């Protein structure tokens, strides 16, 4: 994924994503790409439709 490559190049080690429960295709894509559900965060905490995911990026050799 281009987003993961950019995040890695900028020194990030985790990518966090948010989507809505009404977007099952997005949830399926995130899960099939190795993202794991995490607690909702930030501005999404009070949104009952938010679902958040995270994926740890590999460490450079």
Protein backbone atom coordinates (compact mmCIF):
# COMPACT_ATOMS: atom_id res chain seq x y z
CA UNK A 1 0.00 0.00 0.00
CA UNK A 2 1.32 3.43 -0.90
CA UNK A 3 0.18 4.83 2.46
CA UNK A 4 2.22 2.24 4.34
CA UNK A 5 5.32 2.88 2.21
CA UNK A 6 5.08 6.63 2.76
CA UNK A 7 4.57 6.18 6.50
CA UNK A 8 7.57 3.84 6.66
CA UNK A 9 9.78 6.27 4.71
CA UNK A 10 8.82 9.03 7.15
CA UNK A 11 9.85 6.91 10.13
CA UNK A 12 6.42 5.86 11.38
CA UNK A 13 6.10 2.35 12.76
CA UNK A 14 2.33 2.06 13.03
CA UNK A 15 -0.48 3.09 10.69
CA UNK A 16 -3.91 3.79 12.22
CA UNK A 17 -7.06 4.03 10.13
CA UNK A 18 -10.69 4.88 10.83
CA UNK A 19 -13.82 3.99 8.93
CA UNK A 20 -17.51 3.60 9.62
CA UNK A 21 -19.51 0.50 10.46
CA UNK A 22 -21.67 1.33 7.41
CA UNK A 23 -18.68 0.68 5.10
CA UNK A 24 -18.17 -3.10 5.25
CA UNK A 25 -15.99 -3.05 2.11
CA UNK A 26 -13.49 -0.76 3.84
CA UNK A 27 -13.50 -2.93 6.96
CA UNK A 28 -12.90 -6.01 4.80
CA UNK A 29 -10.04 -4.32 2.95
CA UNK A 30 -8.34 -3.22 6.17
CA UNK A 31 -8.67 -6.67 7.76
CA UNK A 32 -7.45 -8.46 4.62
CA UNK A 33 -4.45 -6.10 4.54
CA UNK A 34 -3.37 -7.07 8.05
CA UNK A 35 -4.96 -4.30 10.08
CA UNK A 36 -6.25 -5.23 13.53
CA UNK A 37 -9.17 -3.55 15.33
CA UNK A 38 -8.18 -1.06 18.04
CA UNK A 39 -10.21 1.13 20.38
CA UNK A 40 -11.59 4.26 18.73
CA UNK A 41 -9.44 7.31 19.36
CA UNK A 42 -9.40 11.09 19.17
CA UNK A 43 -12.33 12.77 17.51
CA UNK A 44 -13.95 9.37 16.85
CA UNK A 45 -14.47 8.39 20.50
CA UNK A 46 -18.03 9.67 20.69
CA UNK A 47 -19.03 8.44 17.24
CA UNK A 48 -20.94 5.15 17.59
CA UNK A 49 -20.32 4.35 13.90
CA UNK A 50 -16.53 4.65 13.98
CA UNK A 51 -14.27 1.61 13.79
CA UNK A 52 -10.50 1.99 14.07
CA UNK A 53 -7.68 -0.29 12.94
CA UNK A 54 -3.87 -0.35 13.26
CA UNK A 55 -1.00 -2.15 11.61
CA UNK A 56 2.61 -2.25 12.74
CA UNK A 57 5.06 -1.68 9.93
CA UNK A 58 8.18 -3.82 9.56
CA UNK A 59 11.43 -2.56 11.05
CA UNK A 60 14.13 -1.75 8.51
CA UNK A 61 17.01 -4.21 8.42
